[in-house]
Amino acid sequence: MINKVGQIMLYVNNQDETVKFWTEKFGFIVVSEVDTGQGMRWIEIAPTKDAETSIVLHNKELIAKMSPELNLGTPSLMFYSENLDELYKDFTDKNIKVGEIVNMPSGRVFNFADNEENYFAVMEKK
C-alpha cells in the first residue's frame, strides 16, 4: 500500500541552471547528486533535508533517447506556503516570473515560472 509521494521526476534541459534556480531563488537544498560517469546524472532537491517528498532533476534529452516512450512533460505541482504574501514578495524581489495572487475556493494561490518557463503554483496553507 502506498502511503506517501517520495520523489517527483522533473525532466529539464539544463540541470545546472535548474539546480541554481531551485536552490538560490526558491530556497531548496541539494539532497544528493549522482553521476554514473557514463552520461547519466540526476540531482535530488527538496525544501529541507528531512522533506518527505523531493524533486529529482533529470536530463530531458538523455532520458528521451533512453526511454522514448516516457512522457517528459512538466508535472503540475502545487506547493504550500504559510505566508503567501511574504513568499510572493520574495519571488518578485528575486525576479522570479509570477502571476497575480488569486482567490480560489480552496485558498489564495499564485503561479510562478522556473528558469525553463515551467509553471508551478503555490497555495496558502496555514
C-alpha atoms as a PDB file:
ATOM      1  CA  MET A   1       0.000   0.000   0.000  1.00  0.00           C
ATOM      2  CA  ILE A   2       1.335   3.460  -0.936  1.00  0.00           C
ATOM      3  CA  ASN A   3       1.404   5.928   1.955  1.00  0.00           C
ATOM      4  CA  LYS A   4       3.276   8.964   0.577  1.00  0.00           C
ATOM      5  CA  VAL A   5       4.827  10.527  -2.517  1.00  0.00           C
ATOM      6  CA  GLY A   6       8.587  10.003  -2.391  1.00  0.00           C
ATOM      7  CA  GLN A   7      10.057  11.674  -5.467  1.00  0.00           C
ATOM      8  CA  ILE A   8       8.812  13.687  -8.412  1.00  0.00           C
ATOM      9  CA  MET A   9      10.804  13.406 -11.607  1.00  0.00           C
ATOM     10  CA  LEU A  10      11.349  16.701 -13.407  1.00  0.00           C
ATOM     11  CA  TYR A  11      12.941  16.467 -16.856  1.00  0.00           C
ATOM     12  CA  VAL A  12      14.907  19.612 -17.690  1.00  0.00           C
ATOM     13  CA  ASN A  13      17.100  20.939 -20.482  1.00  0.00           C
ATOM     14  CA  ASN A  14      19.854  22.327 -18.242  1.00  0.00           C
ATOM     15  CA  GLN A  15      20.316  20.588 -14.907  1.00  0.00           C
ATOM     16  CA  ASP A  16      22.928  23.025 -13.568  1.00  0.00           C
ATOM     17  CA  GLU A  17      20.838  26.129 -14.281  1.00  0.00           C
ATOM     18  CA  THR A  18      17.752  24.455 -12.870  1.00  0.00           C
ATOM     19  CA  VAL A  19      19.561  23.479  -9.655  1.00  0.00           C
ATOM     20  CA  LYS A  20      20.746  27.061  -9.368  1.00  0.00           C
ATOM     21  CA  PHE A  21      17.169  28.340  -9.747  1.00  0.00           C
ATOM     22  CA  TRP A  22      15.683  25.974  -7.156  1.00  0.00           C
ATOM     23  CA  THR A  23      18.451  26.480  -4.594  1.00  0.00           C
ATOM     24  CA  GLU A  24      19.303  30.163  -4.985  1.00  0.00           C
ATOM     25  CA  LYS A  25      15.870  31.564  -5.738  1.00  0.00           C
ATOM     26  CA  PHE A  26      13.471  29.019  -4.274  1.00  0.00           C
ATOM     27  CA  GLY A  27      15.498  28.072  -1.187  1.00  0.00           C
ATOM     28  CA  PHE A  28      15.650  24.318  -1.783  1.00  0.00           C
ATOM     29  CA  ILE A  29      18.734  22.264  -0.918  1.00  0.00           C
ATOM     30  CA  VAL A  30      20.561  19.585  -2.873  1.00  0.00           C
ATOM     31  CA  VAL A  31      19.866  16.327  -1.065  1.00  0.00           C
ATOM     32  CA  SER A  32      22.017  14.175  -3.342  1.00  0.00           C
ATOM     33  CA  GLU A  33      23.677  14.133  -6.730  1.00  0.00           C
ATOM     34  CA  VAL A  34      24.516  11.012  -8.697  1.00  0.00           C
ATOM     35  CA  ASP A  35      26.756  10.903 -11.753  1.00  0.00           C
ATOM     36  CA  THR A  36      27.285   7.429 -13.193  1.00  0.00           C
ATOM     37  CA  GLY A  37      30.265   8.631 -15.196  1.00  0.00           C
ATOM     38  CA  GLN A  38      28.550   7.325 -18.314  1.00  0.00           C
ATOM     39  CA  GLY A  39      26.499  10.412 -19.078  1.00  0.00           C
ATOM     40  CA  MET A  40      23.669   9.655 -16.666  1.00  0.00           C
ATOM     41  CA  ARG A  41      23.299  12.229 -13.893  1.00  0.00           C
ATOM     42  CA  TRP A  42      20.475  13.177 -11.582  1.00  0.00           C
ATOM     43  CA  ILE A  43      20.141  15.711  -8.783  1.00  0.00           C
ATOM     44  CA  GLU A  44      17.690  15.388  -5.902  1.00  0.00           C
ATOM     45  CA  ILE A  45      16.432  18.651  -4.400  1.00  0.00           C
ATOM     46  CA  ALA A  46      13.978  19.340  -1.575  1.00  0.00           C
ATOM     47  CA  PRO A  47      12.789  22.166   0.673  1.00  0.00           C
ATOM     48  CA  THR A  48      14.616  20.584   3.649  1.00  0.00           C
ATOM     49  CA  LYS A  49      16.883  17.636   4.358  1.00  0.00           C
ATOM     50  CA  ASP A  50      14.010  15.824   6.089  1.00  0.00           C
ATOM     51  CA  ALA A  51      11.305  16.530   3.487  1.00  0.00           C
ATOM     52  CA  GLU A  52       9.124  13.526   2.716  1.00  0.00           C
ATOM     53  CA  THR A  53       8.906  14.428  -0.968  1.00  0.00           C
ATOM     54  CA  SER A  54      11.759  15.571  -3.191  1.00  0.00           C
ATOM     55  CA  ILE A  55      12.213  16.575  -6.815  1.00  0.00           C
ATOM     56  CA  VAL A  56      14.736  14.721  -8.949  1.00  0.00           C
ATOM     57  CA  LEU A  57      16.136  16.664 -11.893  1.00  0.00           C
ATOM     58  CA  HIS A  58      16.927  14.545 -14.941  1.00  0.00           C
ATOM     59  CA  ASN A  59      18.445  15.478 -18.296  1.00  0.00           C
ATOM     60  CA  LYS A  60      15.451  15.602 -20.623  1.00  0.00           C
ATOM     61  CA  GLU A  61      17.419  14.960 -23.830  1.00  0.00           C
ATOM     62  CA  LEU A  62      19.203  11.917 -22.425  1.00  0.00           C
ATOM     63  CA  ILE A  63      16.041  10.399 -20.947  1.00  0.00           C
ATOM     64  CA  ALA A  64      14.201  10.942 -24.249  1.00  0.00           C
ATOM     65  CA  LYS A  65      16.885   8.935 -26.053  1.00  0.00           C
ATOM     66  CA  MET A  66      16.947   6.168 -23.434  1.00  0.00           C
ATOM     67  CA  SER A  67      13.181   5.884 -22.947  1.00  0.00           C
ATOM     68  CA  PRO A  68      11.312   7.483 -25.864  1.00  0.00           C
ATOM     69  CA  GLU A  69       8.008   6.114 -24.548  1.00  0.00           C
ATOM     70  CA  LEU A  70       8.124   8.286 -21.403  1.00  0.00           C
ATOM     71  CA  ASN A  71       6.028  11.423 -21.072  1.00  0.00           C
ATOM     72  CA  LEU A  72       8.647  14.103 -20.382  1.00  0.00           C
ATOM     73  CA  GLY A  73       6.136  16.893 -19.844  1.00  0.00           C
ATOM     74  CA  THR A  74       6.318  19.079 -16.761  1.00  0.00           C
ATOM     75  CA  PRO A  75       4.248  17.814 -13.832  1.00  0.00           C
ATOM     76  CA  SER A  76       1.676  20.203 -12.423  1.00  0.00           C
ATOM     77  CA  LEU A  77       2.968  20.825  -8.901  1.00  0.00           C
ATOM     78  CA  MET A  78       1.228  22.709  -6.101  1.00  0.00           C
ATOM     79  CA  PHE A  79       3.447  23.932  -3.270  1.00  0.00           C
ATOM     80  CA  TYR A  80       2.136  25.185   0.081  1.00  0.00           C
ATOM     81  CA  SER A  81       3.216  28.273   1.997  1.00  0.00           C
ATOM     82  CA  GLU A  82       2.117  29.552   5.392  1.00  0.00           C
ATOM     83  CA  ASN A  83       2.762  33.176   4.348  1.00  0.00           C
ATOM     84  CA  LEU A  84       1.812  33.662   0.724  1.00  0.00           C
ATOM     85  CA  ASP A  85       2.281  37.447   0.691  1.00  0.00           C
ATOM     86  CA  GLU A  86       5.836  37.214   2.038  1.00  0.00           C
ATOM     87  CA  LEU A  87       6.734  34.463  -0.435  1.00  0.00           C
ATOM     88  CA  TYR A  88       5.211  36.430  -3.317  1.00  0.00           C
ATOM     89  CA  LYS A  89       7.299  39.488  -2.398  1.00  0.00           C
ATOM     90  CA  ASP A  90      10.424  37.320  -2.047  1.00  0.00           C
ATOM     91  CA  PHE A  91       9.851  35.830  -5.510  1.00  0.00           C
ATOM     92  CA  THR A  92       9.273  39.215  -7.136  1.00  0.00           C
ATOM     93  CA  ASP A  93      12.377  40.627  -5.393  1.00  0.00           C
ATOM     94  CA  LYS A  94      14.370  37.724  -6.891  1.00  0.00           C
ATOM     95  CA  ASN A  95      12.934  38.413 -10.363  1.00  0.00           C
ATOM     96  CA  ILE A  96      11.044  35.132 -10.495  1.00  0.00           C
ATOM     97  CA  LYS A  97       8.221  35.362 -13.021  1.00  0.00           C
ATOM     98  CA  VAL A  98       4.967  35.246 -11.014  1.00  0.00           C
ATOM     99  CA  GLY A  99       1.283  35.543 -11.784  1.00  0.00           C
ATOM    100  CA  GLU A 100      -1.211  37.509  -9.733  1.00  0.00           C
ATOM    101  CA  ILE A 101      -2.415  36.193  -6.380  1.00  0.00           C
ATOM    102  CA  VAL A 102      -5.937  34.905  -6.931  1.00  0.00           C
ATOM    103  CA  ASN A 103      -8.650  33.713  -4.569  1.00  0.00           C
ATOM    104  CA  MET A 104      -9.753  30.161  -5.256  1.00  0.00           C
ATOM    105  CA  PRO A 105     -12.403  28.191  -3.362  1.00  0.00           C
ATOM    106  CA  SER A 106      -9.572  26.247  -1.704  1.00  0.00           C
ATOM    107  CA  GLY A 107      -7.497  29.337  -0.815  1.00  0.00           C
ATOM    108  CA  ARG A 108      -5.246  32.049  -2.212  1.00  0.00           C
ATOM    109  CA  VAL A 109      -2.782  30.941  -4.884  1.00  0.00           C
ATOM    110  CA  PHE A 110      -0.283  32.251  -7.436  1.00  0.00           C
ATOM    111  CA  ASN A 111       1.761  30.620 -10.155  1.00  0.00           C
ATOM    112  CA  PHE A 112       5.430  31.078 -10.976  1.00  0.00           C
ATOM    113  CA  ALA A 113       7.847  30.018 -13.691  1.00  0.00           C
ATOM    114  CA  ASP A 114      11.218  28.377 -13.214  1.00  0.00           C
ATOM    115  CA  ASN A 115      14.306  29.098 -15.295  1.00  0.00           C
ATOM    116  CA  GLU A 116      12.959  26.978 -18.185  1.00  0.00           C
ATOM    117  CA  GLU A 117       9.473  28.566 -18.196  1.00  0.00           C
ATOM    118  CA  ASN A 118       7.872  25.574 -16.470  1.00  0.00           C
ATOM    119  CA  TYR A 119       4.921  26.817 -14.430  1.00  0.00           C
ATOM    120  CA  PHE A 120       4.055  25.706 -10.904  1.00  0.00           C
ATOM    121  CA  ALA A 121       1.694  27.051  -8.228  1.00  0.00           C
ATOM    122  CA  VAL A 122       1.839  27.983  -4.551  1.00  0.00           C
ATOM    123  CA  MET A 123      -1.193  27.913  -2.287  1.00  0.00           C
ATOM    124  CA  GLU A 124      -1.503  29.450   1.152  1.00  0.00           C
ATOM    125  CA  LYS A 125      -1.992  26.762   3.805  1.00  0.00           C
ATOM    126  CA  LYS A 126      -1.837  27.790   7.439  1.00  0.00           C
END
